[in-house]
C-alpha atoms as a PDB file:
ATOM      1  CA  MET A   1       2.781  26.812  -4.550  1.00  0.00           C
ATOM      2  CA  THR A   2       2.971  26.272  -8.428  1.00  0.00           C
ATOM      3  CA  ASP A   3       4.350  23.052  -9.803  1.00  0.00           C
ATOM      4  CA  PHE A   4       7.488  24.433 -11.380  1.00  0.00           C
ATOM      5  CA  LEU A   5       9.206  26.123  -8.356  1.00  0.00           C
ATOM      6  CA  THR A   6      12.956  25.215  -8.197  1.00  0.00           C
ATOM      7  CA  ASN A   7      14.386  23.594  -5.172  1.00  0.00           C
ATOM      8  CA  SER A   8      15.637  26.738  -3.905  1.00  0.00           C
ATOM      9  CA  GLN A   9      12.410  28.338  -4.261  1.00  0.00           C
ATOM     10  CA  ARG A  10      10.632  25.619  -2.246  1.00  0.00           C
ATOM     11  CA  SER A  11      11.167  24.855   1.876  1.00  0.00           C
ATOM     12  CA  PHE A  12      10.353  21.342   2.483  1.00  0.00           C
ATOM     13  CA  ASN A  13       8.862  20.317   5.579  1.00  0.00           C
ATOM     14  CA  MET A  14       7.769  16.631   6.211  1.00  0.00           C
ATOM     15  CA  SER A  15       4.695  17.704   8.081  1.00  0.00           C
ATOM     16  CA  LYS A  16       3.649  19.578   4.416  1.00  0.00           C
ATOM     17  CA  ILE A  17       2.883  15.726   3.186  1.00  0.00           C
ATOM     18  CA  ARG A  18      -0.598  15.313   3.121  1.00  0.00           C
ATOM     19  CA  SER A  19      -2.020  12.354   3.989  1.00  0.00           C
ATOM     20  CA  ARG A  20      -4.902  10.158   2.269  1.00  0.00           C
ATOM     21  CA  ASN A  21      -8.445  10.746   1.728  1.00  0.00           C
ATOM     22  CA  THR A  22      -7.995  13.988  -0.464  1.00  0.00           C
ATOM     23  CA  VAL A  23     -10.917  15.158  -2.450  1.00  0.00           C
ATOM     24  CA  PRO A  24      -9.964  14.000  -5.107  1.00  0.00           C
ATOM     25  CA  GLU A  25      -8.929  10.511  -4.268  1.00  0.00           C
ATOM     26  CA  LEU A  26     -12.185  10.399  -2.536  1.00  0.00           C
ATOM     27  CA  LYS A  27     -14.053  10.916  -5.973  1.00  0.00           C
ATOM     28  CA  LEU A  28     -11.906   8.269  -7.875  1.00  0.00           C
ATOM     29  CA  ARG A  29     -12.526   5.813  -4.790  1.00  0.00           C
ATOM     30  CA  ARG A  30     -16.211   6.243  -5.170  1.00  0.00           C
ATOM     31  CA  ALA A  31     -16.070   6.078  -9.386  1.00  0.00           C
ATOM     32  CA  LEU A  32     -13.697   3.061  -8.652  1.00  0.00           C
ATOM     33  CA  ARG A  33     -16.178   1.374  -6.792  1.00  0.00           C
ATOM     34  CA  LYS A  34     -18.758   0.836  -9.233  1.00  0.00           C
ATOM     35  CA  LEU A  35     -16.516  -0.180 -11.633  1.00  0.00           C
ATOM     36  CA  GLY A  36     -16.146  -3.081  -9.347  1.00  0.00           C
ATOM     37  CA  PHE A  37     -12.610  -2.329  -7.912  1.00  0.00           C
ATOM     38  CA  ILE A  38     -11.552  -3.053  -4.228  1.00  0.00           C
ATOM     39  CA  TYR A  39     -10.008  -0.088  -2.014  1.00  0.00           C
ATOM     40  CA  GLN A  40      -6.705  -1.394  -0.755  1.00  0.00           C
ATOM     41  CA  PRO A  41      -7.038  -5.099  -1.047  1.00  0.00           C
ATOM     42  CA  LYS A  42      -4.747  -7.059   1.435  1.00  0.00           C
ATOM     43  CA  HIS A  43      -5.114 -10.281  -0.848  1.00  0.00           C
ATOM     44  CA  ILE A  44      -2.976  -9.213  -3.683  1.00  0.00           C
ATOM     45  CA  PHE A  45       0.823  -8.832  -3.487  1.00  0.00           C
ATOM     46  CA  GLY A  46       2.255  -5.632  -3.420  1.00  0.00           C
ATOM     47  CA  LYS A  47      -0.851  -4.233  -1.711  1.00  0.00           C
ATOM     48  CA  PRO A  48      -2.233  -2.053  -4.679  1.00  0.00           C
ATOM     49  CA  ASP A  49      -4.332   1.003  -3.438  1.00  0.00           C
ATOM     50  CA  PHE A  50      -7.358   0.028  -6.101  1.00  0.00           C
ATOM     51  CA  ALA A  51      -7.765  -3.859  -7.409  1.00  0.00           C
ATOM     52  CA  ASN A  52     -10.255  -5.614  -9.619  1.00  0.00           C
ATOM     53  CA  LYS A  53      -9.560  -8.995  -8.983  1.00  0.00           C
ATOM     54  CA  LYS A  54     -12.302 -10.391 -11.552  1.00  0.00           C
ATOM     55  CA  SER A  55     -10.829  -8.027 -14.713  1.00  0.00           C
ATOM     56  CA  LYS A  56      -6.907  -8.571 -12.999  1.00  0.00           C
ATOM     57  CA  ILE A  57      -5.957  -4.906 -12.519  1.00  0.00           C
ATOM     58  CA  ALA A  58      -4.075  -3.296 -10.169  1.00  0.00           C
ATOM     59  CA  VAL A  59      -3.601   0.192  -9.382  1.00  0.00           C
ATOM     60  CA  PHE A  60      -0.993   2.350  -7.604  1.00  0.00           C
ATOM     61  CA  ILE A  61      -1.411   6.000  -6.526  1.00  0.00           C
ATOM     62  CA  ASP A  62       2.456   7.059  -5.765  1.00  0.00           C
ATOM     63  CA  GLY A  63       2.958   9.759  -3.563  1.00  0.00           C
ATOM     64  CA  CYS A  64       4.856  12.396  -5.180  1.00  0.00           C
ATOM     65  CA  PHE A  65       7.643  12.614  -2.218  1.00  0.00           C
ATOM     66  CA  TRP A  66       7.650   8.611  -1.093  1.00  0.00           C
ATOM     67  CA  HIS A  67       8.273   7.224  -5.111  1.00  0.00           C
ATOM     68  CA  GLY A  68      10.499  10.024  -6.323  1.00  0.00           C
ATOM     69  CA  CYS A  69       8.363  11.680  -8.776  1.00  0.00           C
ATOM     70  CA  PRO A  70      10.510  13.563 -11.297  1.00  0.00           C
ATOM     71  CA  TYR A  71       8.814  16.961 -11.217  1.00  0.00           C
ATOM     72  CA  HIS A  72       7.991  17.212  -7.345  1.00  0.00           C
ATOM     73  CA  TYR A  73      10.372  15.338  -5.462  1.00  0.00           C
ATOM     74  CA  ILE A  74      12.617  17.212  -3.088  1.00  0.00           C
ATOM     75  CA  THR A  75      15.374  15.474  -0.925  1.00  0.00           C
ATOM     76  CA  PRO A  76      14.987  16.767   2.250  1.00  0.00           C
ATOM     77  CA  LYS A  77      17.881  19.059   3.515  1.00  0.00           C
ATOM     78  CA  THR A  78      18.308  17.216   6.841  1.00  0.00           C
ATOM     79  CA  ASN A  79      19.265  13.608   6.743  1.00  0.00           C
ATOM     80  CA  SER A  80      19.229  13.835   3.040  1.00  0.00           C
ATOM     81  CA  ALA A  81      21.325  10.680   2.323  1.00  0.00           C
ATOM     82  CA  PHE A  82      18.651   8.442   4.383  1.00  0.00           C
ATOM     83  CA  TRP A  83      15.683   9.836   2.570  1.00  0.00           C
ATOM     84  CA  SER A  84      17.612   9.387  -1.002  1.00  0.00           C
ATOM     85  CA  GLN A  85      18.305   5.747   0.167  1.00  0.00           C
ATOM     86  CA  LYS A  86      14.705   5.342   1.184  1.00  0.00           C
ATOM     87  CA  ILE A  87      12.895   6.782  -1.911  1.00  0.00           C
ATOM     88  CA  LYS A  88      15.573   4.557  -4.288  1.00  0.00           C
ATOM     89  CA  LYS A  89      14.548   1.575  -2.173  1.00  0.00           C
ATOM     90  CA  ASN A  90      10.754   2.588  -2.770  1.00  0.00           C
ATOM     91  CA  ILE A  91      11.333   2.860  -6.570  1.00  0.00           C
ATOM     92  CA  ALA A  92      12.932  -0.595  -6.760  1.00  0.00           C
ATOM     93  CA  ARG A  93      10.108  -2.221  -4.802  1.00  0.00           C
ATOM     94  CA  ASP A  94       7.969  -0.503  -6.942  1.00  0.00           C
ATOM     95  CA  ARG A  95       9.355  -2.261 -10.117  1.00  0.00           C
ATOM     96  CA  LYS A  96       9.757  -5.467  -8.243  1.00  0.00           C
ATOM     97  CA  VAL A  97       5.829  -5.570  -7.558  1.00  0.00           C
ATOM     98  CA  GLY A  98       4.737  -4.495 -10.847  1.00  0.00           C
ATOM     99  CA  LYS A  99       6.725  -7.263 -12.627  1.00  0.00           C
ATOM    100  CA  THR A 100       5.481  -9.806 -10.047  1.00  0.00           C
ATOM    101  CA  LEU A 101       1.930  -8.673 -10.516  1.00  0.00           C
ATOM    102  CA  LYS A 102       2.473  -8.742 -14.585  1.00  0.00           C
ATOM    103  CA  LYS A 103       3.444 -12.398 -14.355  1.00  0.00           C
ATOM    104  CA  GLU A 104       0.626 -13.159 -12.434  1.00  0.00           C
ATOM    105  CA  GLY A 105      -1.492 -11.968 -15.037  1.00  0.00           C
ATOM    106  CA  TYR A 106      -2.635  -8.445 -14.038  1.00  0.00           C
ATOM    107  CA  LYS A 107      -2.815  -5.418 -15.798  1.00  0.00           C
ATOM    108  CA  VAL A 108      -0.676  -2.733 -13.504  1.00  0.00           C
ATOM    109  CA  PHE A 109      -1.547   0.954 -13.678  1.00  0.00           C
ATOM    110  CA  ARG A 110       0.570   3.428 -11.723  1.00  0.00           C
ATOM    111  CA  TYR A 111      -0.422   7.401 -11.171  1.00  0.00           C
ATOM    112  CA  TRP A 112       1.267  10.186  -9.281  1.00  0.00           C
ATOM    113  CA  GLU A 113      -0.841  11.774  -6.628  1.00  0.00           C
ATOM    114  CA  HIS A 114      -0.834  14.894  -8.789  1.00  0.00           C
ATOM    115  CA  THR A 115      -2.436  13.004 -11.615  1.00  0.00           C
ATOM    116  CA  VAL A 116      -5.083  12.081  -9.275  1.00  0.00           C
ATOM    117  CA  GLU A 117      -5.267  15.664  -7.875  1.00  0.00           C
ATOM    118  CA  ARG A 118      -5.382  17.224 -11.770  1.00  0.00           C
ATOM    119  CA  ASN A 119      -7.122  15.062 -13.773  1.00  0.00           C
ATOM    120  CA  PRO A 120      -9.082  12.367 -12.097  1.00  0.00           C
ATOM    121  CA  ASP A 121     -11.663  12.010 -14.476  1.00  0.00           C
ATOM    122  CA  LYS A 122      -8.959  10.829 -17.543  1.00  0.00           C
ATOM    123  CA  ILE A 123      -7.853   8.132 -14.499  1.00  0.00           C
ATOM    124  CA  LEU A 124     -11.399   6.627 -14.689  1.00  0.00           C
ATOM    125  CA  LEU A 125     -11.952   6.742 -18.278  1.00  0.00           C
ATOM    126  CA  THR A 126      -8.587   4.858 -18.877  1.00  0.00           C
ATOM    127  CA  LEU A 127      -9.364   2.183 -15.949  1.00  0.00           C
ATOM    128  CA  SER A 128     -13.250   1.446 -16.939  1.00  0.00           C
ATOM    129  CA  HIS A 129     -12.103   1.041 -20.521  1.00  0.00           C
ATOM    130  CA  ALA A 130      -9.499  -1.411 -19.221  1.00  0.00           C
ATOM    131  CA  VAL A 131     -12.228  -3.308 -17.363  1.00  0.00           C
ATOM    132  CA  GLN A 132     -14.549  -3.417 -20.406  1.00  0.00           C
ATOM    133  CA  LYS A 133     -11.682  -5.430 -22.254  1.00  0.00           C
END
């Protein structure tokens, strides 16, 4: 499926939402571990996907469906009011988490899952520079 299909060209099925541990995600996880990042640290507000406590960097990988990606999010046809409200709450929570972490001195990086899948090396380069600063 290409990324630029219209809503009418795609059919939506909740079972098609992929879980964690995709190949790009695993590649990213291994490389970030070498840079001092912890995977899913529980001690940091907002539960980032990766964090480097020493460098005060929090990284979130946002799923296109769950966080309302402007390119890939499609409101499900069934129970659409529920899903629209759910996604809006997720987006509002993401903003609150980002502001709170920034107040605590963290640098916050958010990436869409499609960015991780397409270009994990670019993310690694950005984060490695952030750790060095």
